N, C-alpha and C. Protein backbone atom coordinates (compact mmCIF):
# COMPACT_ATOMS: atom_id res chain seq x y z
N UNK A 1 -63.55 -14.60 43.72
CA UNK A 1 -62.48 -15.55 43.52
C UNK A 1 -62.66 -16.73 44.49
N UNK A 2 -62.52 -17.93 43.98
CA UNK A 2 -62.69 -19.13 44.79
C UNK A 2 -61.42 -19.46 45.56
N UNK A 3 -61.63 -20.08 46.72
CA UNK A 3 -60.50 -20.59 47.49
C UNK A 3 -59.99 -21.85 46.81
N UNK A 4 -58.67 -22.10 46.91
CA UNK A 4 -58.12 -23.35 46.40
C UNK A 4 -57.99 -24.33 47.57
N UNK A 5 -57.61 -25.57 47.27
CA UNK A 5 -57.58 -26.59 48.33
C UNK A 5 -56.57 -26.27 49.43
N UNK A 6 -55.49 -25.57 49.11
CA UNK A 6 -54.53 -25.20 50.14
C UNK A 6 -55.14 -24.21 51.12
N UNK A 7 -55.80 -23.18 50.60
CA UNK A 7 -56.41 -22.19 51.49
C UNK A 7 -57.63 -22.80 52.20
N UNK A 8 -58.33 -23.71 51.55
CA UNK A 8 -59.46 -24.38 52.20
C UNK A 8 -58.98 -25.15 53.42
N UNK A 9 -57.87 -25.88 53.29
CA UNK A 9 -57.33 -26.64 54.41
C UNK A 9 -57.02 -25.72 55.58
N UNK A 10 -56.40 -24.60 55.31
CA UNK A 10 -56.07 -23.63 56.36
C UNK A 10 -57.33 -23.06 57.00
N UNK A 11 -58.32 -22.75 56.18
CA UNK A 11 -59.56 -22.17 56.70
C UNK A 11 -60.38 -23.18 57.49
N UNK A 12 -60.32 -24.44 57.11
CA UNK A 12 -60.98 -25.48 57.90
C UNK A 12 -60.37 -25.55 59.30
N UNK A 13 -59.05 -25.46 59.37
CA UNK A 13 -58.37 -25.55 60.66
C UNK A 13 -58.73 -24.39 61.59
N UNK A 14 -59.01 -23.23 61.02
CA UNK A 14 -59.32 -22.05 61.84
C UNK A 14 -60.81 -21.70 61.85
N UNK A 15 -61.62 -22.57 61.23
CA UNK A 15 -63.08 -22.35 61.13
C UNK A 15 -63.39 -20.98 60.53
N UNK A 16 -62.70 -20.69 59.43
CA UNK A 16 -62.91 -19.45 58.70
C UNK A 16 -63.76 -19.74 57.47
N UNK A 17 -64.82 -18.98 57.22
CA UNK A 17 -65.66 -19.23 56.04
C UNK A 17 -64.83 -19.24 54.75
N UNK A 18 -65.23 -20.11 53.82
CA UNK A 18 -64.54 -20.22 52.53
C UNK A 18 -65.52 -20.65 51.47
N UNK A 19 -65.13 -20.44 50.20
CA UNK A 19 -65.95 -20.89 49.07
C UNK A 19 -65.02 -21.34 47.97
N UNK A 20 -65.04 -22.63 47.71
CA UNK A 20 -64.29 -23.19 46.58
C UNK A 20 -65.26 -23.43 45.43
N UNK A 21 -64.80 -24.10 44.41
CA UNK A 21 -65.68 -24.39 43.28
C UNK A 21 -66.83 -25.30 43.67
N UNK A 22 -66.53 -26.36 44.44
CA UNK A 22 -67.57 -27.33 44.79
C UNK A 22 -67.63 -27.61 46.29
N UNK A 23 -66.79 -26.93 47.06
CA UNK A 23 -66.74 -27.13 48.51
C UNK A 23 -66.80 -25.77 49.18
N UNK A 24 -67.58 -25.69 50.26
CA UNK A 24 -67.68 -24.42 50.98
C UNK A 24 -67.89 -24.68 52.46
N UNK A 25 -67.63 -23.65 53.24
CA UNK A 25 -67.83 -23.74 54.67
C UNK A 25 -68.23 -22.38 55.21
N UNK A 26 -69.18 -22.37 56.13
CA UNK A 26 -69.64 -21.10 56.70
C UNK A 26 -70.32 -21.37 58.02
N UNK A 27 -70.46 -20.31 58.80
CA UNK A 27 -71.14 -20.40 60.09
C UNK A 27 -72.65 -20.38 59.89
N UNK A 28 -73.33 -21.25 60.59
CA UNK A 28 -74.78 -21.26 60.69
C UNK A 28 -75.08 -21.17 62.18
N UNK A 29 -75.27 -19.95 62.66
CA UNK A 29 -75.41 -19.74 64.10
C UNK A 29 -74.08 -20.02 64.75
N UNK A 30 -74.06 -20.94 65.73
CA UNK A 30 -72.81 -21.26 66.41
C UNK A 30 -72.16 -22.54 65.89
N UNK A 31 -72.56 -22.96 64.69
CA UNK A 31 -72.02 -24.19 64.10
C UNK A 31 -71.38 -23.88 62.76
N UNK A 32 -70.14 -24.36 62.58
CA UNK A 32 -69.46 -24.23 61.30
C UNK A 32 -69.87 -25.43 60.45
N UNK A 33 -70.42 -25.17 59.28
CA UNK A 33 -70.96 -26.22 58.42
C UNK A 33 -70.14 -26.30 57.13
N UNK A 34 -69.76 -27.52 56.75
CA UNK A 34 -68.99 -27.73 55.53
C UNK A 34 -69.89 -28.46 54.52
N UNK A 35 -69.90 -27.93 53.31
CA UNK A 35 -70.71 -28.48 52.22
C UNK A 35 -69.81 -29.00 51.11
N UNK A 36 -70.21 -30.11 50.52
CA UNK A 36 -69.65 -30.57 49.26
C UNK A 36 -70.80 -30.49 48.28
N UNK A 37 -70.65 -29.65 47.28
CA UNK A 37 -71.77 -29.27 46.42
C UNK A 37 -72.83 -28.68 47.35
N UNK A 38 -74.00 -29.25 47.46
CA UNK A 38 -75.01 -28.70 48.38
C UNK A 38 -75.31 -29.64 49.54
N UNK A 39 -74.46 -30.65 49.74
CA UNK A 39 -74.65 -31.64 50.79
C UNK A 39 -73.78 -31.29 52.00
N UNK A 40 -74.39 -31.30 53.18
CA UNK A 40 -73.62 -31.08 54.41
C UNK A 40 -72.81 -32.35 54.68
N UNK A 41 -71.48 -32.17 54.79
CA UNK A 41 -70.62 -33.34 55.04
C UNK A 41 -69.96 -33.29 56.41
N UNK A 42 -69.99 -32.11 57.08
CA UNK A 42 -69.37 -32.02 58.40
C UNK A 42 -69.81 -30.76 59.12
N UNK A 43 -69.76 -30.82 60.45
CA UNK A 43 -70.04 -29.65 61.28
C UNK A 43 -69.05 -29.60 62.43
N UNK A 44 -68.87 -28.38 62.96
CA UNK A 44 -67.94 -28.19 64.07
C UNK A 44 -68.44 -26.99 64.87
N UNK A 45 -68.38 -27.10 66.19
CA UNK A 45 -68.80 -25.99 67.05
C UNK A 45 -67.58 -25.43 67.78
N UNK A 46 -67.67 -24.21 68.28
CA UNK A 46 -66.54 -23.65 69.04
C UNK A 46 -66.15 -24.51 70.25
N UNK A 47 -67.09 -25.28 70.78
CA UNK A 47 -66.80 -26.17 71.91
C UNK A 47 -66.05 -27.43 71.47
N UNK A 48 -65.89 -27.61 70.16
CA UNK A 48 -65.16 -28.77 69.66
C UNK A 48 -66.01 -29.98 69.36
N UNK A 49 -67.32 -29.82 69.28
CA UNK A 49 -68.20 -30.93 68.91
C UNK A 49 -68.15 -31.08 67.39
N UNK A 50 -67.52 -32.15 66.95
CA UNK A 50 -67.29 -32.37 65.53
C UNK A 50 -68.15 -33.54 65.05
N UNK A 51 -68.76 -33.36 63.89
CA UNK A 51 -69.51 -34.43 63.24
C UNK A 51 -69.08 -34.46 61.78
N UNK A 52 -68.82 -35.65 61.27
CA UNK A 52 -68.52 -35.85 59.85
C UNK A 52 -69.34 -37.03 59.37
N UNK A 53 -70.01 -36.86 58.27
CA UNK A 53 -70.87 -37.92 57.77
C UNK A 53 -70.06 -39.18 57.44
N UNK A 54 -70.57 -40.33 57.82
CA UNK A 54 -69.90 -41.58 57.47
C UNK A 54 -70.31 -42.08 56.07
N UNK A 55 -71.27 -41.39 55.46
CA UNK A 55 -71.77 -41.79 54.14
C UNK A 55 -70.67 -41.69 53.08
N UNK A 56 -70.77 -42.53 52.07
CA UNK A 56 -69.84 -42.48 50.94
C UNK A 56 -70.56 -41.80 49.78
N UNK A 57 -69.81 -40.93 49.11
CA UNK A 57 -70.36 -40.18 47.99
C UNK A 57 -69.42 -40.30 46.80
N UNK A 58 -69.46 -39.31 45.94
CA UNK A 58 -68.62 -39.31 44.74
C UNK A 58 -67.14 -39.20 45.09
N UNK A 59 -66.30 -39.35 44.10
CA UNK A 59 -64.87 -39.24 44.30
C UNK A 59 -64.49 -37.84 44.80
N UNK A 60 -65.13 -36.82 44.24
CA UNK A 60 -64.83 -35.45 44.66
C UNK A 60 -65.26 -35.21 46.10
N UNK A 61 -66.46 -35.64 46.47
CA UNK A 61 -66.92 -35.46 47.84
C UNK A 61 -66.05 -36.25 48.81
N UNK A 62 -65.60 -37.43 48.42
CA UNK A 62 -64.69 -38.21 49.25
C UNK A 62 -63.40 -37.43 49.49
N UNK A 63 -62.93 -36.73 48.48
CA UNK A 63 -61.74 -35.89 48.62
C UNK A 63 -62.02 -34.77 49.62
N UNK A 64 -63.19 -34.16 49.54
CA UNK A 64 -63.57 -33.11 50.48
C UNK A 64 -63.62 -33.65 51.90
N UNK A 65 -64.17 -34.84 52.06
CA UNK A 65 -64.24 -35.47 53.38
C UNK A 65 -62.84 -35.69 53.95
N UNK A 66 -61.89 -36.03 53.09
CA UNK A 66 -60.52 -36.21 53.52
C UNK A 66 -59.91 -34.91 54.03
N UNK A 67 -60.20 -33.81 53.38
CA UNK A 67 -59.72 -32.51 53.84
C UNK A 67 -60.26 -32.20 55.23
N UNK A 68 -61.54 -32.47 55.44
CA UNK A 68 -62.15 -32.22 56.75
C UNK A 68 -61.51 -33.12 57.80
N UNK A 69 -61.33 -34.40 57.49
CA UNK A 69 -60.74 -35.33 58.46
C UNK A 69 -59.34 -34.89 58.88
N UNK A 70 -58.54 -34.49 57.92
CA UNK A 70 -57.18 -34.05 58.24
C UNK A 70 -57.19 -32.76 59.05
N UNK A 71 -58.04 -31.82 58.67
CA UNK A 71 -58.06 -30.52 59.36
C UNK A 71 -58.59 -30.63 60.78
N UNK A 72 -59.57 -31.50 60.99
CA UNK A 72 -60.25 -31.59 62.28
C UNK A 72 -59.87 -32.82 63.08
N UNK A 73 -59.03 -33.67 62.53
CA UNK A 73 -58.60 -34.86 63.26
C UNK A 73 -59.71 -35.86 63.51
N UNK A 74 -60.59 -36.00 62.53
CA UNK A 74 -61.70 -36.97 62.69
C UNK A 74 -61.40 -38.22 61.92
């Protein structure tokens, strides 16, 4: 079962792995990585080092980027 955008927002805030239809997030070593489709759009470490791509993509990926920005305050 896929996560919906409400649960994705909550899981982003707590760095909990999730899988939606086109957006997912999971740990890669000590870095939490967020994907839109198969593109990495953001990373976060337990130390609070946050990176979010400044690139512009499709409307759906832009929506995903917005979820990350709101959850992580970027």
